[in-house]
């Protein structure tokens, strides 16, 4: 198990530090995004050489690496039904469909 005191004192402030330390101290289950950042922080040895691209293109998590050069995330394709649902939800959240209730 890693020494969290050492990480807190000497580890670079970078994306994934908080998540990694929290995981080590509490064992708390992390969200997928936080787990990826924590993994990259650990894999890059606390970014002691600086926050830069690891260039490990064969890593399955590389597309999500926080400091990847030329970072462009390809969004998944959304169906027309999903986009229509989002439009309706947006309208409901904006309050456009709220009606005044008559008081008795």
Protein backbone atom coordinates (compact mmCIF):
# COMPACT_ATOMS: atom_id res chain seq x y z
CA UNK A 1 0.00 0.00 0.00
CA UNK A 2 1.31 3.44 -0.92
CA UNK A 3 2.27 5.98 1.72
CA UNK A 4 -0.34 8.72 1.35
CA UNK A 5 1.66 11.10 3.54
CA UNK A 6 4.51 10.96 1.01
CA UNK A 7 2.10 11.53 -1.89
CA UNK A 8 0.50 14.49 -0.13
CA UNK A 9 3.89 16.06 0.60
CA UNK A 10 5.89 15.27 -2.56
CA UNK A 11 3.31 14.37 -5.22
CA UNK A 12 2.66 17.04 -7.83
CA UNK A 13 -0.67 18.80 -7.70
CA UNK A 14 -2.38 17.34 -10.73
CA UNK A 15 -5.62 15.80 -11.86
CA UNK A 16 -6.07 12.51 -10.05
CA UNK A 17 -4.08 13.29 -6.89
CA UNK A 18 -7.12 13.86 -4.68
CA UNK A 19 -8.90 10.85 -6.14
CA UNK A 20 -5.88 8.58 -5.70
CA UNK A 21 -5.23 9.65 -2.09
CA UNK A 22 -8.92 9.33 -1.20
CA UNK A 23 -9.02 5.83 -2.67
CA UNK A 24 -5.90 4.75 -0.77
CA UNK A 25 -7.10 6.19 2.54
CA UNK A 26 -10.74 5.15 2.47
CA UNK A 27 -11.02 2.43 -0.15
CA UNK A 28 -14.03 4.37 -1.42
CA UNK A 29 -15.35 3.23 -4.79
CA UNK A 30 -14.57 5.86 -7.45
CA UNK A 31 -16.61 6.91 -10.44
CA UNK A 32 -15.16 5.81 -13.80
CA UNK A 33 -13.78 9.29 -14.54
CA UNK A 34 -12.18 9.64 -11.12
CA UNK A 35 -10.77 6.11 -11.33
CA UNK A 36 -9.13 6.91 -14.68
CA UNK A 37 -7.56 10.09 -13.30
CA UNK A 38 -6.36 8.24 -10.18
CA UNK A 39 -4.89 5.45 -12.32
CA UNK A 40 -3.03 7.93 -14.53
CA UNK A 41 -1.71 9.73 -11.45
CA UNK A 42 -0.41 6.46 -10.03
CA UNK A 43 0.93 5.18 -13.36
CA UNK A 44 2.79 8.45 -14.01
CA UNK A 45 4.46 8.20 -10.57
CA UNK A 46 2.60 11.20 -9.15
CA UNK A 47 3.65 13.29 -12.18
CA UNK A 48 7.08 13.84 -10.57
CA UNK A 49 8.54 14.59 -14.03
CA UNK A 50 5.76 17.08 -14.73
CA UNK A 51 2.23 16.99 -16.07
CA UNK A 52 2.60 15.75 -19.61
CA UNK A 53 1.35 13.16 -22.06
CA UNK A 54 2.41 9.62 -21.11
CA UNK A 55 2.38 8.64 -24.81
CA UNK A 56 1.24 5.12 -23.92
CA UNK A 57 -1.10 4.78 -26.88
CA UNK A 58 -1.48 1.02 -26.25
CA UNK A 59 -3.07 1.70 -22.82
CA UNK A 60 -6.85 1.23 -22.96
CA UNK A 61 -7.27 4.35 -20.79
CA UNK A 62 -5.02 6.55 -22.96
CA UNK A 63 -7.94 8.25 -24.78
CA UNK A 64 -9.08 9.55 -21.37
CA UNK A 65 -5.61 10.59 -20.08
CA UNK A 66 -5.90 14.08 -18.49
CA UNK A 67 -2.78 15.56 -20.11
CA UNK A 68 -2.92 13.85 -23.52
CA UNK A 69 -1.71 16.01 -26.42
CA UNK A 70 -4.31 16.84 -29.04
CA UNK A 71 -7.05 15.70 -26.71
CA UNK A 72 -10.26 15.31 -28.62
CA UNK A 73 -12.91 13.05 -27.26
CA UNK A 74 -15.15 11.39 -29.78
CA UNK A 75 -18.67 11.57 -28.48
CA UNK A 76 -20.83 8.54 -28.97
CA UNK A 77 -23.51 8.72 -31.61
CA UNK A 78 -26.92 9.65 -30.28
CA UNK A 79 -30.17 8.55 -31.84
CA UNK A 80 -32.88 10.99 -32.84
CA UNK A 81 -35.04 9.59 -30.02
CA UNK A 82 -32.32 10.42 -27.44
CA UNK A 83 -31.89 13.95 -28.83
CA UNK A 84 -35.66 14.53 -28.75
CA UNK A 85 -35.76 13.35 -25.14
CA UNK A 86 -32.96 15.80 -24.26
CA UNK A 87 -34.81 18.67 -25.96
CA UNK A 88 -37.99 17.92 -24.00
CA UNK A 89 -36.04 17.64 -20.76
CA UNK A 90 -34.32 20.95 -21.44
CA UNK A 91 -37.67 22.66 -21.99
CA UNK A 92 -39.07 21.18 -18.77
CA UNK A 93 -36.02 22.27 -16.78
CA UNK A 94 -36.16 25.80 -18.16
CA UNK A 95 -39.68 26.21 -16.80
CA UNK A 96 -41.22 27.05 -20.16
CA UNK A 97 -44.07 24.59 -19.60
CA UNK A 98 -44.89 25.67 -16.06
CA UNK A 99 -48.44 26.88 -15.67
CA UNK A 100 -49.87 29.14 -13.03
CA UNK A 101 -52.04 27.31 -10.52
CA UNK A 102 -55.22 29.08 -9.50
CA UNK A 103 -55.48 29.44 -5.75
CA UNK A 104 -58.71 28.35 -4.12
